[in-house]
Amino acid sequence: MRIAIISDIHLGDPMSVMAARKGDPVNGPIELGVGYKEFKEKVEKKFKKKVIGKSGDYWLDHLVLLGDILDFSISSYENSYAVGKRFFQQLKDDGIADQIIYMPGNHDCDLWHTVEYQVNVINKVEKGELPKPFRMSVTGIIEGRKDMEKTENAFTLFKVTPRKNNEPHMYGGLFLDKITNPTTCFNFAYPNLYLVTDSDTILITHGQYLDMYWSVLGKWVFKVINGDLDLKDPNGLNLKEMVGINFPLNQLACSGVGQAAPLTEVIQNLEHDVNNKNVKNITKYLKNLWAELKKVVLFKHFIVWLILRCPLAKWWLKSEIIESVGKMTSSRYDEEFLEHQEVRDRFVEFYNSSIAEIDEINQAKVYKKDIPAPTKMIFGHTHEPISWGDPKAPAIILAQLPNEKQPFRMYNSGGWLNKIGKDGKLEFCGAEIFFYETQEGISSVRVECK
């Protein structure tokens, strides 16, 4: 079995080095970037020759796309899908992979919602049936242990019924398959995929649930309004609950922003100013906000209006906001993201939810042998690549592991975007391609587009 894992391509973002429009960001021609060339060369160099399969000859059995692939948060549906069509068709033409495992991130979580609408609402209503509840999470499992690799269900989507006619593609058949000609098999898993090898279980996830907005803001709001959560597990949210409770906020930050017409550019500029600590622009925004607040409360709350008119109150509020912005950090390009204690605390909560999920899988006897607890993780999201086996990779001691002295290691797939450096010139953030081959294990290679 051959697998490659990449993330954060951001198709639709003009900064993507995989594929993007040139010139006009809306109507310009779509071209493959230097990143695609590098990716293709690295795959071919790694595996030397194609695998002969039932559905054709391919370099990979599975290509795992680990989130932020189609960028609905920054680009319109029309543009993201147009660029995506060019990219996916090239993958097909070059025979890169027999199947794609697509795991949405925070910039394309709306794709997961679309899949669930198709499976549980549209397809049901078309048959004259009532809709079924959304499956807030569907777990993917790749069985890579040598004595298990010949099992028919080496790749499984937990609790998803495979096709009955023994096709080489057990799942797929959804709308995105037809983005290429001939069709490509897209399998959707969210938010976790487990790769089980002879030495380790690797937790593969995009990583957005390590960020506060994506993991705990919905929970916090719920507690403020309702006092507490009625959880099945008193120790915390399981994965389905975690995804479900953050569903509205995630959708708002993804398609809610990317499809908001003129407002999209405004929000993107504001986010850019906050991330880059552009105090001058933030001060201008606060001045405009202050003027509007005075208009709103003038006739309703005269006392509040008096406070807002107070120069001291105005100065204090502005200084507090500006100071807070100065302390804010974005997970993107944050080399020390996993060193922040609050991030590690969120990871432990996420890991506990993942362990509960694995226990459910083991009880269902999906495979003859149980899936061990994960000891390593591959994730994206931060655009800061960390190579497989890097001795400096972030580590954390987890009591859930059999050997408490064995650290849990975290590796990152980086991102395929240019960014504007301090000198105003474009810089490539750096990407990592992770490979898995049954006889060889896991390795990775760094991509530096120049």
Protein backbone atom coordinates (compact mmCIF):
# COMPACT_ATOMS: atom_id res chain seq x y z
CA MET A 1 0.00 0.00 0.00
CA ARG A 2 1.25 3.45 -0.97
CA ILE A 3 -0.03 6.67 0.57
CA ALA A 4 0.94 10.35 0.37
CA ILE A 5 -0.37 13.06 2.72
CA ILE A 6 -0.44 16.80 2.01
CA SER A 7 -2.51 19.70 3.28
CA ASP A 8 -3.24 23.43 3.00
CA ILE A 9 -3.21 23.83 -0.78
CA HIS A 10 -5.82 26.63 -0.58
CA LEU A 11 -7.18 26.37 -4.12
CA GLY A 12 -8.87 29.68 -4.85
CA ASP A 13 -6.30 31.72 -2.94
CA PRO A 14 -4.12 33.62 -5.46
CA MET A 15 -1.12 32.87 -3.22
CA SER A 16 -1.38 29.08 -3.79
CA VAL A 17 1.69 27.58 -5.46
CA MET A 18 -0.27 24.48 -6.53
CA ALA A 19 -2.74 26.16 -8.85
CA ALA A 20 -4.15 29.67 -9.12
CA ARG A 21 -5.49 32.27 -11.48
CA LYS A 22 -2.87 34.51 -13.03
CA GLY A 23 -3.39 38.23 -13.36
CA ASP A 24 -7.09 38.86 -12.71
CA PRO A 25 -7.99 36.89 -9.52
CA VAL A 26 -11.56 36.40 -10.80
CA ASN A 27 -11.30 35.93 -14.57
CA GLY A 28 -7.59 35.28 -15.15
CA PRO A 29 -6.39 31.98 -16.67
CA ILE A 30 -5.92 29.11 -14.23
CA GLU A 31 -2.39 27.74 -14.24
CA LEU A 32 -0.61 25.02 -12.31
CA GLY A 33 2.10 26.45 -10.10
CA VAL A 34 5.65 25.41 -9.30
CA GLY A 35 4.25 23.57 -6.27
CA TYR A 36 2.43 21.02 -8.40
CA LYS A 37 5.58 20.29 -10.37
CA GLU A 38 7.52 19.78 -7.14
CA PHE A 39 4.81 17.54 -5.69
CA LYS A 40 4.60 15.36 -8.81
CA GLU A 41 8.39 14.97 -8.99
CA LYS A 42 8.64 14.02 -5.31
CA VAL A 43 5.95 11.34 -5.67
CA GLU A 44 7.55 9.82 -8.78
CA LYS A 45 11.02 9.91 -7.24
CA LYS A 46 9.80 8.20 -4.09
CA PHE A 47 8.02 5.27 -5.74
CA LYS A 48 9.94 4.88 -9.03
CA LYS A 49 7.15 3.06 -10.88
CA LYS A 50 3.38 2.94 -10.92
CA VAL A 51 1.18 0.34 -9.27
CA ILE A 52 -1.00 -1.72 -11.62
CA GLY A 53 -4.52 -1.82 -10.21
CA LYS A 54 -8.04 -2.81 -11.20
CA SER A 55 -8.96 0.74 -12.18
CA GLY A 56 -5.68 1.77 -13.85
CA ASP A 57 -2.03 2.47 -13.18
CA TYR A 58 -1.25 4.92 -10.37
CA TRP A 59 1.67 6.08 -8.27
CA LEU A 60 -0.42 5.95 -5.08
CA ASP A 61 -3.24 3.85 -3.69
CA HIS A 62 -4.48 6.82 -1.67
CA LEU A 63 -3.71 10.52 -1.67
CA VAL A 64 -4.78 12.04 1.66
CA LEU A 65 -5.75 15.70 1.40
CA LEU A 66 -5.56 16.92 4.95
CA GLY A 67 -7.77 20.01 4.87
CA ASP A 68 -7.82 23.56 3.50
CA ILE A 69 -7.77 22.23 -0.07
CA LEU A 70 -10.66 24.15 -1.64
CA ASP A 71 -10.60 27.57 0.00
CA PHE A 72 -14.21 28.71 0.51
CA SER A 73 -13.17 31.03 3.32
CA ILE A 74 -11.27 33.39 1.04
CA SER A 75 -12.74 32.68 -2.39
CA SER A 76 -16.13 32.21 -4.03
CA TYR A 77 -17.51 28.77 -4.78
CA GLU A 78 -17.16 29.49 -8.49
CA ASN A 79 -13.49 30.34 -8.26
CA SER A 80 -12.47 27.65 -5.76
CA TYR A 81 -14.15 24.88 -7.72
CA ALA A 82 -12.77 26.20 -11.03
CA VAL A 83 -9.20 26.12 -9.72
CA GLY A 84 -9.91 22.80 -8.01
CA LYS A 85 -11.13 21.28 -11.27
CA ARG A 86 -7.84 22.20 -12.96
CA PHE A 87 -5.81 20.73 -10.10
CA PHE A 88 -7.78 17.49 -9.71
CA GLN A 89 -7.89 16.89 -13.46
CA GLN A 90 -4.10 17.13 -13.58
CA LEU A 91 -3.85 14.60 -10.73
CA LYS A 92 -6.05 12.31 -12.78
CA ASP A 93 -4.15 12.84 -16.04
CA ASP A 94 -0.82 12.18 -14.32
CA GLY A 95 -2.08 9.01 -12.64
CA ILE A 96 -1.12 10.25 -9.17
CA ALA A 97 -3.64 8.33 -7.07
CA ASP A 98 -6.30 5.67 -7.42
CA GLN A 99 -8.39 7.23 -4.64
CA ILE A 100 -8.45 10.49 -2.73
CA ILE A 101 -9.24 10.69 0.96
CA TYR A 102 -10.46 14.24 1.53
CA MET A 103 -10.48 15.50 5.13
CA PRO A 104 -11.86 19.06 5.26
CA GLY A 105 -10.19 21.72 7.40
CA ASN A 106 -11.43 25.10 8.57
CA HIS A 107 -11.23 26.77 5.13
CA ASP A 108 -13.24 24.00 3.45
CA CYS A 109 -15.39 22.59 6.26
CA ASP A 110 -18.38 23.64 4.14
CA LEU A 111 -17.46 20.77 1.82
CA TRP A 112 -18.12 18.35 4.68
CA HIS A 113 -21.49 20.03 5.27
CA THR A 114 -22.25 19.69 1.53
CA VAL A 115 -21.45 15.97 1.60
CA GLU A 116 -23.73 15.47 4.58
CA TYR A 117 -26.52 17.43 2.88
CA GLN A 118 -26.20 15.17 -0.16
CA VAL A 119 -26.06 11.89 1.77
CA ASN A 120 -28.60 12.57 4.50
CA VAL A 121 -30.95 15.17 3.03
CA ILE A 122 -30.93 15.43 -0.79
CA ASN A 123 -30.53 11.73 -1.60
CA LYS A 124 -33.21 10.80 0.94
CA VAL A 125 -35.76 13.38 -0.19
CA GLU A 126 -35.19 12.44 -3.84
CA LYS A 127 -36.26 8.89 -2.92
CA GLY A 128 -39.37 10.16 -1.16
CA GLU A 129 -37.83 9.49 2.25
CA LEU A 130 -37.35 11.78 5.22
CA PRO A 131 -33.86 13.17 5.88
CA LYS A 132 -31.54 11.49 8.33
CA PRO A 133 -29.46 13.34 10.96
CA PHE A 134 -26.08 14.66 9.89
CA ARG A 135 -23.17 12.39 10.75
CA MET A 136 -21.13 15.12 12.38
CA SER A 137 -18.02 12.97 12.09
CA VAL A 138 -17.04 9.96 9.99
CA THR A 139 -13.81 8.26 10.94
CA GLY A 140 -11.40 6.90 8.35
CA ILE A 141 -9.12 3.94 9.08
CA ILE A 142 -6.21 2.64 7.00
CA GLU A 143 -5.03 -0.80 8.06
CA GLY A 144 -1.34 -0.92 7.21
CA ARG A 145 -0.09 -3.79 9.37
CA LYS A 146 1.76 -6.36 7.26
CA ASP A 147 -0.34 -9.32 8.34
CA MET A 148 -3.53 -7.35 7.66
CA GLU A 149 -2.76 -5.55 4.41
CA LYS A 150 -4.51 -8.08 2.17
CA THR A 151 -7.86 -7.65 3.91
CA GLU A 152 -10.56 -6.35 1.57
CA ASN A 153 -11.35 -3.47 3.91
CA ALA A 154 -7.80 -2.11 4.31
CA PHE A 155 -9.41 1.34 4.04
CA THR A 156 -12.62 1.75 6.01
CA LEU A 157 -15.04 4.57 6.73
CA PHE A 158 -16.45 3.67 10.11
CA LYS A 159 -20.24 3.11 10.08
CA VAL A 160 -20.46 3.84 6.33
CA THR A 161 -21.87 1.01 4.23
CA PRO A 162 -19.50 0.06 1.38
CA ARG A 163 -20.71 -0.81 -2.10
CA LYS A 164 -21.99 -4.33 -2.49
CA ASN A 165 -20.64 -5.12 -5.96
CA ASN A 166 -17.01 -5.50 -4.82
CA GLU A 167 -15.77 -2.55 -6.87
CA PRO A 168 -12.20 -1.37 -6.31
CA HIS A 169 -13.73 1.84 -4.92
CA MET A 170 -15.78 0.82 -1.88
CA TYR A 171 -17.05 4.32 -1.15
CA GLY A 172 -17.24 7.53 -3.17
CA GLY A 173 -20.07 8.09 -5.62
CA LEU A 174 -20.76 11.63 -4.39
CA PHE A 175 -20.90 14.89 -6.31
CA LEU A 176 -17.18 15.75 -6.22
CA ASP A 177 -16.26 12.54 -8.10
CA LYS A 178 -17.40 14.22 -11.31
CA ILE A 179 -15.04 17.18 -11.03
CA THR A 180 -12.70 15.15 -13.27
CA ASN A 181 -13.21 13.19 -16.49
CA PRO A 182 -13.12 10.26 -16.09
CA THR A 183 -14.40 10.44 -12.54
CA THR A 184 -12.18 10.33 -9.45
CA CYS A 185 -13.15 8.46 -6.29
CA PHE A 186 -13.36 10.93 -3.38
CA ASN A 187 -13.72 9.42 0.10
CA PHE A 188 -14.62 11.89 2.86
CA ALA A 189 -13.51 11.50 6.47
CA TYR A 190 -13.89 14.10 9.21
CA PRO A 191 -12.18 15.06 11.41
CA ASN A 192 -9.92 12.00 11.99
CA LEU A 193 -8.13 9.36 9.98
CA TYR A 194 -6.12 6.62 11.71
CA LEU A 195 -3.19 4.96 9.95
CA VAL A 196 -2.38 1.71 11.76
CA THR A 197 1.12 0.34 11.18
CA ASP A 198 3.13 -2.43 12.81
CA SER A 199 4.90 0.04 15.08
CA ASP A 200 2.40 2.87 15.63
CA THR A 201 -1.07 4.23 15.21
CA ILE A 202 -0.88 7.69 13.65
CA LEU A 203 -3.65 10.19 14.29
CA ILE A 204 -4.15 12.22 11.09
CA THR A 205 -6.28 15.38 11.36
CA HIS A 206 -6.24 18.89 9.98
CA GLY A 207 -5.68 20.46 13.39
CA GLN A 208 -8.27 23.24 13.52
CA TYR A 209 -9.71 21.85 16.74
CA LEU A 210 -6.48 22.80 18.50
CA ASP A 211 -7.46 26.45 17.91
CA MET A 212 -9.78 28.12 20.40
CA TYR A 213 -12.32 29.32 17.85
CA TRP A 214 -12.79 25.88 16.32
CA SER A 215 -12.82 23.82 19.49
CA VAL A 216 -14.17 25.62 22.54
CA LEU A 217 -15.92 28.84 21.54
CA GLY A 218 -19.17 27.05 20.78
CA LYS A 219 -18.90 25.20 24.09
CA TRP A 220 -18.22 28.46 25.92
CA VAL A 221 -21.16 30.26 24.34
CA PHE A 222 -23.42 27.33 25.17
CA LYS A 223 -22.35 27.45 28.82
CA VAL A 224 -22.93 31.20 29.04
CA ILE A 225 -26.47 30.84 27.68
CA ASN A 226 -27.51 27.52 29.18
CA GLY A 227 -25.36 27.25 32.27
CA ASP A 228 -23.84 23.92 31.29
CA LEU A 229 -23.84 21.18 28.66
CA ASP A 230 -25.80 17.96 28.89
CA LEU A 231 -22.98 15.70 27.76
CA LYS A 232 -23.05 11.95 27.27
CA ASP A 233 -19.56 11.82 28.73
CA PRO A 234 -19.20 13.90 31.93
CA ASN A 235 -15.48 14.21 31.28
CA GLY A 236 -15.88 16.18 28.04
CA LEU A 237 -17.16 16.32 24.50
CA ASN A 238 -16.87 13.35 22.22
CA LEU A 239 -15.87 14.02 18.61
CA LYS A 240 -19.44 14.10 17.30
CA GLU A 241 -20.45 16.58 20.01
CA MET A 242 -17.34 18.69 19.44
CA VAL A 243 -18.02 18.96 15.71
CA GLY A 244 -21.76 19.45 16.16
CA ILE A 245 -21.64 22.21 18.72
CA ASN A 246 -19.14 24.17 16.63
CA PHE A 247 -21.06 23.54 13.39
CA PRO A 248 -22.64 27.06 13.14
CA LEU A 249 -19.43 28.92 13.93
CA ASN A 250 -17.36 26.78 11.59
CA GLN A 251 -19.81 27.33 8.75
CA LEU A 252 -19.87 31.06 9.47
CA ALA A 253 -16.07 31.30 9.30
CA CYS A 254 -15.89 29.19 6.14
CA SER A 255 -18.61 29.75 3.55
CA GLY A 256 -20.26 32.47 5.64
CA VAL A 257 -17.24 34.68 4.99
CA GLY A 258 -16.05 33.41 1.62
CA GLN A 259 -19.45 33.82 -0.02
CA ALA A 260 -20.31 37.19 1.58
CA ALA A 261 -19.70 39.21 -1.61
CA PRO A 262 -18.16 42.65 -0.83
CA LEU A 263 -18.05 41.84 2.89
CA THR A 264 -15.56 39.04 2.22
CA GLU A 265 -12.79 41.46 1.26
CA VAL A 266 -13.53 43.70 4.25
CA ILE A 267 -13.29 40.80 6.71
CA GLN A 268 -10.14 39.47 5.06
CA ASN A 269 -8.49 42.89 5.33
CA LEU A 270 -9.46 43.14 9.00
CA GLU A 271 -8.06 39.66 9.68
CA HIS A 272 -4.86 40.61 7.85
CA ASP A 273 -4.47 43.77 9.96
CA VAL A 274 -5.04 41.86 13.23
CA ASN A 275 -2.63 39.06 12.28
CA ASN A 276 0.03 41.60 11.27
CA LYS A 277 -0.68 43.86 14.28
CA ASN A 278 -1.35 46.87 12.03
CA VAL A 279 -2.21 49.25 14.88
CA LYS A 280 -2.78 52.23 12.59
CA ASN A 281 -5.60 50.54 10.70
CA ILE A 282 -7.06 49.00 13.86
CA THR A 283 -7.18 52.43 15.49
CA LYS A 284 -9.09 53.70 12.43
CA TYR A 285 -11.58 50.85 12.72
CA LEU A 286 -12.09 51.57 16.42
CA LYS A 287 -12.70 55.25 15.69
CA ASN A 288 -15.41 54.33 13.18
CA LEU A 289 -16.88 51.77 15.60
CA TRP A 290 -16.98 54.36 18.35
CA ALA A 291 -18.92 56.77 16.15
CA GLU A 292 -21.47 54.10 15.29
CA LEU A 293 -21.86 52.97 18.92
CA LYS A 294 -22.72 56.50 19.99
CA LYS A 295 -25.46 56.62 17.35
CA VAL A 296 -26.96 53.32 18.45
CA VAL A 297 -27.13 53.93 22.20
CA LEU A 298 -27.87 57.68 22.13
CA PHE A 299 -31.65 57.34 22.23
CA LYS A 300 -31.96 54.06 24.13
CA HIS A 301 -29.47 54.22 26.96
CA PHE A 302 -28.60 57.77 27.88
CA ILE A 303 -26.36 56.70 30.77
CA VAL A 304 -24.33 54.40 28.56
CA TRP A 305 -24.07 57.20 26.06
CA LEU A 306 -22.61 59.48 28.75
CA ILE A 307 -20.00 56.83 29.55
CA LEU A 308 -19.15 56.45 25.90
CA ARG A 309 -18.80 60.22 25.63
CA CYS A 310 -16.28 60.19 28.47
CA PRO A 311 -12.78 60.68 26.99
CA LEU A 312 -11.24 58.57 29.75
CA ALA A 313 -13.55 55.61 29.05
CA LYS A 314 -12.92 55.97 25.33
CA TRP A 315 -9.15 56.06 25.81
CA TRP A 316 -9.22 53.08 28.19
CA LEU A 317 -11.30 50.89 25.88
CA LYS A 318 -9.17 51.70 22.83
CA SER A 319 -5.92 51.06 24.68
CA GLU A 320 -7.22 47.74 26.02
CA ILE A 321 -8.25 46.55 22.55
CA ILE A 322 -5.02 47.66 20.91
CA GLU A 323 -2.96 46.04 23.67
CA SER A 324 -4.94 42.82 23.28
CA VAL A 325 -4.38 42.83 19.53
CA GLY A 326 -0.66 43.31 20.12
CA LYS A 327 -0.62 40.15 22.22
CA MET A 328 -2.69 38.06 19.83
CA THR A 329 -1.03 35.27 17.90
CA SER A 330 -2.30 33.45 14.84
CA SER A 331 -1.82 29.69 14.57
CA ARG A 332 -0.67 30.16 10.97
CA TYR A 333 3.12 30.56 10.76
CA ASP A 334 3.37 30.15 14.54
CA GLU A 335 6.48 28.02 15.09
CA GLU A 336 5.66 27.65 18.78
CA PHE A 337 1.93 26.91 18.36
CA LEU A 338 2.17 23.52 20.06
CA GLU A 339 4.25 24.92 22.89
CA HIS A 340 1.39 27.11 24.18
CA GLN A 341 -0.12 25.49 27.27
CA GLU A 342 -3.71 26.28 26.25
CA VAL A 343 -3.12 24.57 22.88
CA ARG A 344 -1.71 21.50 24.62
CA ASP A 345 -4.70 21.43 26.96
CA ARG A 346 -7.03 21.49 23.95
CA PHE A 347 -4.99 18.72 22.34
CA VAL A 348 -5.41 16.51 25.41
CA GLU A 349 -9.19 17.03 25.23
CA PHE A 350 -9.15 16.20 21.52
CA TYR A 351 -6.95 13.15 22.13
CA ASN A 352 -9.30 11.86 24.83
CA SER A 353 -12.21 12.17 22.40
CA SER A 354 -10.18 10.28 19.79
CA ILE A 355 -9.40 7.49 22.26
CA ALA A 356 -13.11 7.13 22.98
CA GLU A 357 -13.70 6.88 19.23
CA ILE A 358 -11.05 4.17 18.84
CA ASP A 359 -12.62 2.24 21.71
CA GLU A 360 -15.94 2.33 19.85
CA ILE A 361 -14.25 1.07 16.67
CA ASN A 362 -12.55 -1.75 18.56
CA GLN A 363 -15.80 -2.80 20.19
CA ALA A 364 -17.42 -2.95 16.74
CA LYS A 365 -14.67 -5.39 15.61
CA VAL A 366 -13.97 -3.54 12.36
CA TYR A 367 -10.67 -5.45 12.17
CA LYS A 368 -9.62 -8.76 13.68
CA LYS A 369 -6.98 -6.95 15.72
CA ASP A 370 -7.68 -3.92 17.91
CA ILE A 371 -6.38 -0.49 16.94
CA PRO A 372 -3.81 0.67 19.54
CA ALA A 373 -3.85 4.19 20.98
CA PRO A 374 -2.15 6.75 18.69
CA THR A 375 1.45 7.62 19.57
CA LYS A 376 2.05 10.15 16.78
CA MET A 377 0.10 12.77 14.89
CA ILE A 378 0.28 14.31 11.42
CA PHE A 379 -1.59 17.57 11.07
CA GLY A 380 -1.60 20.78 9.04
CA HIS A 381 -3.28 24.12 9.74
CA THR A 382 -0.25 26.10 10.97
CA HIS A 383 1.72 26.09 7.66
CA GLU A 384 4.87 25.32 9.67
CA PRO A 385 6.27 21.99 8.37
CA ILE A 386 7.79 19.48 10.79
CA SER A 387 9.56 16.51 9.19
CA TRP A 388 8.86 12.91 10.14
CA GLY A 389 11.35 11.76 12.74
CA ASP A 390 12.57 15.28 13.54
CA PRO A 391 14.04 15.00 17.06
CA LYS A 392 12.84 18.54 17.74
CA ALA A 393 9.23 17.71 16.87
CA PRO A 394 6.86 18.80 19.66
CA ALA A 395 6.30 16.08 22.22
CA ILE A 396 3.85 15.60 25.04
CA ILE A 397 3.58 12.92 27.73
CA LEU A 398 0.14 11.29 27.78
CA ALA A 399 -1.09 9.12 30.62
CA GLN A 400 -3.31 7.23 28.16
CA LEU A 401 -0.32 5.56 26.48
CA PRO A 402 0.85 2.17 27.79
CA ASN A 403 4.38 3.47 28.16
CA GLU A 404 4.01 6.77 29.99
CA LYS A 405 7.66 7.60 29.28
CA GLN A 406 7.06 7.41 25.54
CA PRO A 407 6.31 10.94 24.29
CA PHE A 408 3.50 11.56 21.83
CA ARG A 409 5.11 13.23 18.78
CA MET A 410 3.51 15.78 16.44
CA TYR A 411 4.50 16.35 12.81
CA ASN A 412 3.18 18.97 10.43
CA SER A 413 2.48 18.97 6.69
CA GLY A 414 3.10 22.71 6.25
CA GLY A 415 1.32 24.65 3.53
CA TRP A 416 1.46 25.41 -0.18
CA LEU A 417 1.03 29.18 0.02
CA ASN A 418 3.29 32.12 -0.59
CA LYS A 419 3.20 34.86 2.01
CA ILE A 420 4.38 38.45 2.04
CA GLY A 421 7.64 38.69 3.99
CA LYS A 422 8.86 41.55 6.14
CA ASP A 423 10.65 43.05 3.15
CA GLY A 424 7.41 43.02 1.14
CA LYS A 425 8.56 40.18 -1.12
CA LEU A 426 6.82 36.84 -1.57
CA GLU A 427 8.09 33.94 0.54
CA PHE A 428 7.12 30.27 0.37
CA CYS A 429 6.14 28.95 3.78
CA GLY A 430 7.34 25.39 3.11
CA ALA A 431 5.47 22.10 2.78
CA GLU A 432 6.08 18.53 3.90
CA ILE A 433 4.89 15.48 1.95
CA PHE A 434 4.38 12.41 4.13
CA PHE A 435 4.68 8.97 2.54
CA TYR A 436 3.64 5.57 3.78
CA GLU A 437 4.56 2.26 2.17
CA THR A 438 3.79 -1.05 3.85
CA GLN A 439 7.30 -2.46 3.64
CA GLU A 440 9.08 0.86 4.24
CA GLY A 441 6.98 2.60 6.89
CA ILE A 442 6.54 6.38 7.09
CA SER A 443 8.89 9.03 5.75
CA SER A 444 8.59 12.62 4.61
CA VAL A 445 10.25 15.04 2.22
CA ARG A 446 10.43 18.82 2.41
CA VAL A 447 9.31 20.99 -0.49
CA GLU A 448 10.92 24.42 -0.93
CA CYS A 449 9.44 26.17 -3.95
CA LYS A 450 11.85 28.77 -5.36
